[in-house]
Amino acid sequence: MIKFIKKFRQEEEGAVTVDWVVLTAAVVGPGVAGVATVSGGVNSLASKIETGVSAGTGGTGGVGLPSN
């Protein structure tokens, strides 16, 4: 068991894997947070556009765009 632990400490492949996992999480995490933050506003805007298109207001949905 002691030999296994010494050999495990000398190998660096595991450390490189951990580095990649941490770097990937550092890139994916803010992306997920950004999507979660923006999704509420996007859903609201889509709802306004849907309402405008259904009402025949030129698709502006009351978001301040000039209607044709």
C-alpha atoms as a PDB file:
ATOM      1  CA  MET A   1       0.000   0.000   0.000  1.00  0.00           C
ATOM      2  CA  ILE A   2       2.870   2.377   0.766  1.00  0.00           C
ATOM      3  CA  LYS A   3       4.358   1.725  -2.692  1.00  0.00           C
ATOM      4  CA  PHE A   4       1.022   2.536  -4.301  1.00  0.00           C
ATOM      5  CA  ILE A   5       0.760   5.848  -2.452  1.00  0.00           C
ATOM      6  CA  LYS A   6       4.316   6.855  -3.366  1.00  0.00           C
ATOM      7  CA  LYS A   7       3.754   5.955  -7.006  1.00  0.00           C
ATOM      8  CA  PHE A   8       0.417   7.813  -7.043  1.00  0.00           C
ATOM      9  CA  ARG A   9       2.052  10.984  -5.685  1.00  0.00           C
ATOM     10  CA  GLN A  10       4.740  10.880  -8.385  1.00  0.00           C
ATOM     11  CA  GLU A  11       2.335  10.558 -11.303  1.00  0.00           C
ATOM     12  CA  GLU A  12       1.119  13.868 -12.720  1.00  0.00           C
ATOM     13  CA  GLU A  13      -1.646  12.674 -15.033  1.00  0.00           C
ATOM     14  CA  GLY A  14      -4.231  12.971 -12.279  1.00  0.00           C
ATOM     15  CA  ALA A  15      -3.135  16.511 -11.487  1.00  0.00           C
ATOM     16  CA  VAL A  16      -3.478  17.535 -15.139  1.00  0.00           C
ATOM     17  CA  THR A  17      -6.981  16.094 -15.213  1.00  0.00           C
ATOM     18  CA  VAL A  18      -7.937  18.083 -12.133  1.00  0.00           C
ATOM     19  CA  ASP A  19      -6.546  21.233 -13.764  1.00  0.00           C
ATOM     20  CA  TRP A  20      -8.696  20.676 -16.848  1.00  0.00           C
ATOM     21  CA  VAL A  21     -11.789  20.056 -14.750  1.00  0.00           C
ATOM     22  CA  VAL A  22     -11.234  23.279 -12.825  1.00  0.00           C
ATOM     23  CA  LEU A  23     -10.596  25.287 -16.000  1.00  0.00           C
ATOM     24  CA  THR A  24     -13.687  23.860 -17.670  1.00  0.00           C
ATOM     25  CA  ALA A  25     -15.809  24.704 -14.641  1.00  0.00           C
ATOM     26  CA  ALA A  26     -14.376  28.229 -14.677  1.00  0.00           C
ATOM     27  CA  VAL A  27     -15.556  28.668 -18.273  1.00  0.00           C
ATOM     28  CA  VAL A  28     -18.909  26.870 -18.051  1.00  0.00           C
ATOM     29  CA  GLY A  29     -19.982  28.322 -14.705  1.00  0.00           C
ATOM     30  CA  PRO A  30     -20.193  31.981 -15.795  1.00  0.00           C
ATOM     31  CA  GLY A  31     -21.893  30.891 -19.012  1.00  0.00           C
ATOM     32  CA  VAL A  32     -24.640  29.120 -17.105  1.00  0.00           C
ATOM     33  CA  ALA A  33     -24.974  32.075 -14.748  1.00  0.00           C
ATOM     34  CA  GLY A  34     -25.283  34.447 -17.704  1.00  0.00           C
ATOM     35  CA  VAL A  35     -27.988  32.368 -19.351  1.00  0.00           C
ATOM     36  CA  ALA A  36     -29.908  32.182 -16.078  1.00  0.00           C
ATOM     37  CA  THR A  37     -29.677  35.954 -15.682  1.00  0.00           C
ATOM     38  CA  VAL A  38     -30.765  36.812 -19.220  1.00  0.00           C
ATOM     39  CA  SER A  39     -33.484  34.181 -19.629  1.00  0.00           C
ATOM     40  CA  GLY A  40     -36.092  36.113 -17.625  1.00  0.00           C
ATOM     41  CA  GLY A  41     -35.730  39.200 -19.789  1.00  0.00           C
ATOM     42  CA  VAL A  42     -35.757  37.182 -22.982  1.00  0.00           C
ATOM     43  CA  ASN A  43     -38.929  35.362 -21.952  1.00  0.00           C
ATOM     44  CA  SER A  44     -40.586  38.682 -21.101  1.00  0.00           C
ATOM     45  CA  LEU A  45     -39.622  40.222 -24.444  1.00  0.00           C
ATOM     46  CA  ALA A  46     -40.793  37.139 -26.339  1.00  0.00           C
ATOM     47  CA  SER A  47     -44.120  37.318 -24.540  1.00  0.00           C
ATOM     48  CA  LYS A  48     -44.521  40.997 -25.468  1.00  0.00           C
ATOM     49  CA  ILE A  49     -43.707  40.243 -29.096  1.00  0.00           C
ATOM     50  CA  GLU A  50     -46.166  37.350 -29.124  1.00  0.00           C
ATOM     51  CA  THR A  51     -48.882  39.603 -27.708  1.00  0.00           C
ATOM     52  CA  GLY A  52     -48.143  42.277 -30.290  1.00  0.00           C
ATOM     53  CA  VAL A  53     -48.196  39.864 -33.190  1.00  0.00           C
ATOM     54  CA  SER A  54     -51.465  38.332 -31.979  1.00  0.00           C
ATOM     55  CA  ALA A  55     -53.028  41.790 -31.592  1.00  0.00           C
ATOM     56  CA  GLY A  56     -51.828  42.878 -35.033  1.00  0.00           C
ATOM     57  CA  THR A  57     -49.679  45.788 -33.824  1.00  0.00           C
ATOM     58  CA  GLY A  58     -46.903  45.087 -36.271  1.00  0.00           C
ATOM     59  CA  GLY A  59     -45.051  42.773 -33.937  1.00  0.00           C
ATOM     60  CA  THR A  60     -43.700  45.458 -31.631  1.00  0.00           C
ATOM     61  CA  GLY A  61     -45.449  44.029 -28.570  1.00  0.00           C
ATOM     62  CA  GLY A  62     -45.372  47.388 -26.863  1.00  0.00           C
ATOM     63  CA  VAL A  63     -41.600  47.532 -26.485  1.00  0.00           C
ATOM     64  CA  GLY A  64     -41.301  51.041 -27.867  1.00  0.00           C
ATOM     65  CA  LEU A  65     -40.558  50.177 -31.471  1.00  0.00           C
ATOM     66  CA  PRO A  66     -42.418  52.079 -34.187  1.00  0.00           C
ATOM     67  CA  SER A  67     -45.233  50.050 -35.700  1.00  0.00           C
ATOM     68  CA  ASN A  68     -45.845  50.022 -39.440  1.00  0.00           C
END
